[in-house]
N, C-alpha and C. Protein backbone atom coordinates (compact mmCIF):
# COMPACT_ATOMS: atom_id res chain seq x y z
N UNK A 1 42.06 83.35 36.73
CA UNK A 1 42.60 82.82 37.74
C UNK A 1 43.72 81.76 38.14
N UNK A 2 43.68 81.10 36.75
CA UNK A 2 45.06 80.13 36.91
C UNK A 2 45.57 80.33 35.89
N UNK A 3 46.90 79.43 36.17
CA UNK A 3 47.77 79.69 34.66
C UNK A 3 47.84 78.10 34.12
N UNK A 4 48.33 78.59 32.64
CA UNK A 4 48.35 77.50 31.78
C UNK A 4 50.16 76.95 31.74
N UNK A 5 50.47 75.79 32.01
CA UNK A 5 51.30 75.16 31.82
C UNK A 5 51.43 74.16 30.85
N UNK A 6 52.33 74.38 30.34
CA UNK A 6 52.79 72.85 28.80
C UNK A 6 54.01 72.61 29.09
N UNK A 7 53.80 71.41 29.03
CA UNK A 7 54.95 70.44 29.07
C UNK A 7 54.87 69.26 27.79
N UNK A 8 55.92 69.44 26.85
CA UNK A 8 55.98 68.46 25.68
C UNK A 8 56.93 67.31 25.46
N UNK A 9 56.50 66.28 25.36
CA UNK A 9 57.35 65.03 25.98
C UNK A 9 57.19 64.17 24.60
N UNK A 10 58.24 63.44 24.57
CA UNK A 10 58.43 62.50 23.69
C UNK A 10 57.93 61.02 24.48
N UNK A 11 57.01 60.33 24.08
CA UNK A 11 56.47 59.17 24.83
C UNK A 11 57.39 57.97 23.93
N UNK A 12 57.64 56.97 24.21
CA UNK A 12 58.19 55.87 23.92
C UNK A 12 57.08 54.94 23.90
N UNK A 13 57.24 53.87 23.25
CA UNK A 13 56.63 52.61 22.76
C UNK A 13 56.27 52.03 24.17
N UNK A 14 57.03 52.04 24.94
CA UNK A 14 57.58 51.38 25.96
C UNK A 14 56.82 52.33 27.47
N UNK A 15 56.66 53.86 27.09
CA UNK A 15 55.54 54.28 28.26
C UNK A 15 56.52 55.32 28.83
N UNK A 16 58.28 55.04 28.69
CA UNK A 16 58.58 56.48 28.94
C UNK A 16 58.84 57.55 28.29
N UNK A 17 58.68 58.55 29.53
CA UNK A 17 58.21 59.98 29.15
C UNK A 17 59.93 60.76 28.94
N UNK A 18 60.00 61.51 28.13
CA UNK A 18 60.77 62.39 27.98
C UNK A 18 60.46 63.51 27.90
N UNK A 19 60.79 64.57 28.82
CA UNK A 19 60.52 66.34 28.25
C UNK A 19 61.28 66.50 27.50
N UNK A 20 61.24 67.29 26.78
CA UNK A 20 61.46 68.32 25.64
C UNK A 20 61.85 69.45 25.78
N UNK A 21 60.20 70.34 26.24
CA UNK A 21 60.61 71.32 26.70
C UNK A 21 59.63 71.93 27.03
N UNK A 22 59.19 73.31 27.90
CA UNK A 22 57.73 73.48 28.41
C UNK A 22 57.61 75.20 28.35
N UNK A 23 56.41 75.26 28.91
CA UNK A 23 56.39 77.04 28.58
C UNK A 23 55.46 77.18 29.97
N UNK A 24 55.51 78.75 30.03
CA UNK A 24 53.71 78.68 30.50
C UNK A 24 52.95 80.33 31.09
N UNK A 25 52.20 80.69 30.71
CA UNK A 25 51.03 81.85 30.90
C UNK A 25 50.19 81.92 32.11
N UNK A 26 50.28 82.55 32.59
CA UNK A 26 49.71 83.23 33.76
C UNK A 26 48.44 83.28 33.17
N UNK A 27 47.30 83.01 33.90
CA UNK A 27 46.09 83.13 33.31
C UNK A 27 45.57 84.91 33.27
N UNK A 28 45.82 85.37 34.71
CA UNK A 28 45.84 87.17 33.84
C UNK A 28 46.50 87.81 33.21
N UNK A 29 47.99 87.31 32.54
CA UNK A 29 48.17 87.93 31.51
C UNK A 29 48.22 86.69 30.16
N UNK A 30 46.98 86.40 29.73
CA UNK A 30 46.82 85.54 28.73
C UNK A 30 46.49 86.60 27.48
N UNK A 31 45.88 87.90 27.62
CA UNK A 31 46.27 88.93 26.48
C UNK A 31 47.03 89.99 26.48
N UNK A 32 47.58 90.25 27.62
CA UNK A 32 48.53 91.15 27.79
C UNK A 32 49.65 90.98 29.11
N UNK A 33 50.61 91.04 28.62
CA UNK A 33 52.04 91.10 29.92
C UNK A 33 51.55 92.10 30.66
N UNK A 34 50.79 93.21 30.53
CA UNK A 34 50.68 94.64 30.99
C UNK A 34 49.66 95.02 31.59
N UNK A 35 48.33 94.45 31.19
CA UNK A 35 47.38 94.78 31.68
C UNK A 35 46.72 93.24 32.34
N UNK A 36 46.52 93.35 33.15
CA UNK A 36 45.57 91.70 34.14
C UNK A 36 44.26 92.16 33.71
N UNK A 37 43.89 90.48 33.47
CA UNK A 37 42.17 90.28 33.73
C UNK A 37 42.04 88.64 33.86
N UNK A 38 41.48 88.75 35.09
CA UNK A 38 41.05 87.14 35.99
C UNK A 38 40.17 86.41 34.62
N UNK A 39 40.54 85.31 35.09
CA UNK A 39 39.40 84.50 34.32
C UNK A 39 37.86 84.20 34.74
N UNK A 40 37.02 84.16 34.16
CA UNK A 40 35.64 84.01 34.57
C UNK A 40 35.09 82.88 34.46
N UNK A 41 34.29 81.62 35.09
CA UNK A 41 34.08 80.85 35.40
C UNK A 41 33.46 80.28 34.35
N UNK A 42 33.27 79.19 33.63
CA UNK A 42 32.98 78.48 32.11
C UNK A 42 32.69 79.60 30.90
N UNK A 43 33.75 80.45 31.10
CA UNK A 43 33.94 81.05 29.86
C UNK A 43 34.98 80.72 29.32
N UNK A 44 34.34 80.55 27.89
CA UNK A 44 36.23 80.10 26.96
C UNK A 44 36.96 80.70 26.27
N UNK A 45 38.39 81.12 27.23
CA UNK A 45 39.25 81.72 26.41
C UNK A 45 40.19 81.00 25.45
N UNK A 46 41.23 82.17 25.01
CA UNK A 46 42.44 81.64 24.27
C UNK A 46 43.31 81.63 24.73
N UNK A 47 44.21 80.76 25.22
CA UNK A 47 45.38 80.86 25.77
C UNK A 47 47.07 80.25 24.52
N UNK A 48 47.67 81.38 24.23
CA UNK A 48 49.27 81.25 24.17
C UNK A 48 50.29 80.66 24.78
N UNK A 49 50.57 79.50 24.61
CA UNK A 49 51.55 79.10 25.60
C UNK A 49 52.77 79.10 24.76
N UNK A 50 53.94 79.85 25.15
CA UNK A 50 55.15 79.69 24.03
C UNK A 50 55.94 78.75 24.65
N UNK A 51 56.40 77.58 24.42
CA UNK A 51 57.42 77.09 24.66
C UNK A 51 58.61 77.46 24.59
N UNK A 52 59.73 77.32 25.52
CA UNK A 52 60.69 77.53 25.67
C UNK A 52 61.76 76.48 24.39
N UNK A 53 62.36 77.34 23.57
CA UNK A 53 63.25 76.64 22.26
C UNK A 53 63.90 74.96 22.65
N UNK A 54 63.86 74.43 22.09
CA UNK A 54 64.67 73.37 22.08
C UNK A 54 64.59 72.65 20.77
N UNK A 55 66.02 71.51 21.00
CA UNK A 55 65.79 70.80 19.52
C UNK A 55 65.91 69.61 19.80
N UNK A 56 65.40 68.82 19.15
CA UNK A 56 65.32 67.04 19.13
C UNK A 56 64.95 65.85 18.12
N UNK A 57 65.46 65.18 17.98
CA UNK A 57 65.29 64.32 17.08
C UNK A 57 64.53 62.93 16.95
N UNK A 58 63.05 62.77 17.04
CA UNK A 58 62.19 61.66 16.66
C UNK A 58 62.44 60.51 16.17
N UNK A 59 62.42 59.50 16.95
CA UNK A 59 62.88 58.55 16.11
C UNK A 59 61.38 57.67 15.78
N UNK A 60 61.46 56.70 15.01
CA UNK A 60 60.01 56.32 14.55
C UNK A 60 59.12 55.48 15.31
N UNK A 61 58.07 55.92 15.77
CA UNK A 61 57.04 55.08 16.76
C UNK A 61 56.92 55.37 17.86
N UNK A 62 57.87 56.70 18.45
CA UNK A 62 57.15 57.52 19.61
C UNK A 62 56.01 58.60 19.21
N UNK A 63 55.45 58.85 20.50
CA UNK A 63 54.09 59.95 20.29
C UNK A 63 54.62 61.17 20.84
N UNK A 64 53.98 62.27 20.33
CA UNK A 64 54.21 63.70 21.49
C UNK A 64 53.14 63.33 22.14
N UNK A 65 53.34 63.96 23.84
CA UNK A 65 52.39 64.36 24.11
C UNK A 65 52.46 65.71 24.97
N UNK A 66 51.57 66.70 24.78
CA UNK A 66 51.22 67.92 25.88
C UNK A 66 50.72 67.83 26.84
N UNK A 67 51.27 67.93 27.95
CA UNK A 67 50.56 67.83 29.17
C UNK A 67 50.10 69.60 29.26
N UNK A 68 49.04 69.75 29.93
CA UNK A 68 48.11 71.13 30.45
C UNK A 68 47.54 71.07 31.47
N UNK A 69 48.42 71.91 32.38
CA UNK A 69 48.10 72.05 33.95
C UNK A 69 47.92 73.22 34.05
N UNK A 70 47.29 73.71 35.25
CA UNK A 70 47.48 74.90 36.23
C UNK A 70 48.48 75.43 36.94
N UNK A 71 49.55 74.14 36.99
CA UNK A 71 50.54 75.04 38.05
C UNK A 71 51.84 73.81 37.63
N UNK A 72 52.85 74.68 37.87
CA UNK A 72 54.33 73.50 37.86
C UNK A 72 54.90 74.24 38.45
N UNK A 73 54.89 73.68 40.14
CA UNK A 73 55.30 74.28 41.59
C UNK A 73 56.57 73.77 41.64
N UNK A 74 57.65 74.69 42.10
CA UNK A 74 59.07 74.54 42.04
C UNK A 74 59.74 75.13 40.94
N UNK A 75 59.09 74.81 39.70
CA UNK A 75 59.85 74.93 38.08
C UNK A 75 59.42 76.88 38.25
N UNK A 76 57.96 76.78 38.47
CA UNK A 76 57.61 78.10 38.23
C UNK A 76 56.75 78.44 39.45
N UNK A 77 56.45 79.50 39.63
CA UNK A 77 55.96 80.07 40.73
C UNK A 77 54.54 79.80 41.14
N UNK A 78 54.50 79.62 42.27
CA UNK A 78 53.08 78.95 43.22
C UNK A 78 52.14 79.50 42.31
N UNK A 79 50.82 78.82 41.97
CA UNK A 79 49.36 79.52 41.69
C UNK A 79 48.13 78.50 42.55
N UNK A 80 47.75 79.89 43.20
CA UNK A 80 46.56 79.56 44.02
C UNK A 80 44.90 78.96 43.51
N UNK A 81 45.12 79.56 41.92
CA UNK A 81 44.08 79.86 41.32
C UNK A 81 42.74 80.47 41.91
N UNK A 82 43.10 81.35 42.67
CA UNK A 82 42.02 82.38 42.95
C UNK A 82 42.22 83.97 42.68
N UNK A 83 43.33 84.07 42.09
CA UNK A 83 43.56 85.82 41.99
C UNK A 83 44.29 86.22 42.78
N UNK A 84 44.52 85.47 43.97
CA UNK A 84 45.58 86.52 45.17
C UNK A 84 46.79 86.29 44.81
N UNK A 85 47.35 87.41 45.52
CA UNK A 85 48.75 87.49 44.81
C UNK A 85 49.61 86.29 45.79
N UNK A 86 50.49 85.87 44.71
CA UNK A 86 51.28 84.45 44.84
C UNK A 86 52.13 84.62 45.78
N UNK A 87 52.62 85.62 46.27
CA UNK A 87 53.71 85.59 47.23
C UNK A 87 52.93 85.49 49.11
N UNK A 88 51.27 86.36 48.95
CA UNK A 88 50.62 86.79 50.17
C UNK A 88 49.38 86.10 50.36
N UNK A 89 49.05 85.05 49.43
CA UNK A 89 47.80 84.44 49.20
C UNK A 89 47.39 83.57 50.07
N UNK A 90 46.44 83.21 50.68
CA UNK A 90 46.78 82.07 51.27
C UNK A 90 45.36 80.98 51.46
N UNK A 91 44.69 81.62 50.41
CA UNK A 91 43.04 80.73 50.10
C UNK A 91 43.73 79.80 48.45
N UNK A 92 43.39 78.87 48.52
CA UNK A 92 44.05 77.93 47.31
C UNK A 92 42.42 77.06 46.94
N UNK A 93 42.27 76.75 45.48
CA UNK A 93 41.32 76.01 44.51
C UNK A 93 42.12 75.68 43.58
N UNK A 94 40.88 74.44 43.59
CA UNK A 94 41.63 73.67 42.44
C UNK A 94 40.93 74.31 40.95
N UNK A 95 41.72 73.39 40.05
CA UNK A 95 41.59 74.46 38.97
C UNK A 95 41.35 72.95 38.01
N UNK A 96 40.48 73.56 37.25
CA UNK A 96 40.42 71.83 36.17
C UNK A 96 40.58 73.46 34.91
N UNK A 97 41.18 72.40 34.08
CA UNK A 97 41.88 72.36 32.57
C UNK A 97 40.90 71.89 31.58
N UNK A 98 40.59 72.63 30.47
CA UNK A 98 39.79 71.83 29.16
C UNK A 98 40.11 72.17 28.22
N UNK A 99 40.47 71.84 27.39
CA UNK A 99 41.06 72.40 26.42
C UNK A 99 40.16 71.43 25.16
N UNK A 100 39.78 72.62 24.22
CA UNK A 100 38.69 72.61 23.32
C UNK A 100 39.08 72.69 22.26
N UNK A 101 38.59 71.56 20.90
CA UNK A 101 39.09 70.99 19.71
C UNK A 101 38.05 70.85 18.72
N UNK A 102 37.89 72.04 18.35
CA UNK A 102 36.17 71.88 17.14
C UNK A 102 36.36 72.83 16.23
N UNK A 103 35.41 73.05 15.38
CA UNK A 103 35.58 74.21 14.70
C UNK A 103 35.68 75.28 15.09
N UNK A 104 35.06 75.45 15.94
CA UNK A 104 34.80 76.70 16.45
C UNK A 104 35.75 77.15 17.61
N UNK A 105 36.72 76.09 18.19
CA UNK A 105 37.73 76.42 19.01
C UNK A 105 39.10 75.41 18.51
N UNK A 106 39.33 75.34 17.15
CA UNK A 106 40.63 74.58 16.80
C UNK A 106 42.06 74.66 17.20
N UNK A 107 42.27 74.13 18.92
CA UNK A 107 43.13 74.02 19.50
C UNK A 107 44.28 73.33 18.68
N UNK A 108 45.61 73.58 18.70
CA UNK A 108 46.81 73.28 17.61
C UNK A 108 48.45 73.53 18.60
N UNK A 109 48.89 73.20 17.96
CA UNK A 109 50.08 73.07 18.63
C UNK A 109 51.12 73.70 17.10
N UNK A 110 52.08 74.62 17.52
CA UNK A 110 53.03 74.88 16.07
C UNK A 110 54.01 74.33 16.38
N UNK A 111 54.79 73.43 15.61
CA UNK A 111 56.15 72.92 15.57
C UNK A 111 57.21 73.07 14.83
N UNK A 112 58.54 73.49 14.49
CA UNK A 112 59.29 73.90 13.80
C UNK A 112 59.83 72.69 13.29
N UNK A 113 59.89 71.90 12.35
CA UNK A 113 60.75 71.37 11.99
C UNK A 113 61.78 71.18 10.32
N UNK A 114 63.44 70.60 11.18
CA UNK A 114 64.19 71.08 10.68
C UNK A 114 64.37 69.65 9.80
N UNK A 115 64.70 69.71 8.67
CA UNK A 115 64.82 68.77 7.61
C UNK A 115 66.37 68.09 8.01
N UNK A 116 66.62 67.10 8.00
CA UNK A 116 67.73 66.29 8.19
C UNK A 116 68.96 66.63 7.12
N UNK A 117 69.94 66.86 7.97
CA UNK A 117 71.41 67.11 7.46
C UNK A 117 72.11 66.30 6.56
């Protein structure tokens, strides 16, 4: 009933954050873009968020941050978190995102690295 939006940022030591790239997958399409399946409450499920291609040079010191949320409205279509149609739905619900990272659920991010020329 939710979507997952990912925003990858470069965070400077002073705290300034620069957006590098972003991506989104609506929860009902997490397994297939043609067959919809709503999420079940308190059931662990896998999301693969494909970030848009980007190129960025990281200097020494900054950190990467990946923000995960259930909405990025205005950038992407609204998300009611209820499963209702995004154009005509009226009921809204707060969503809570939990990223699991352990042996059973090894969450990770894959970033290609180019060698300096």
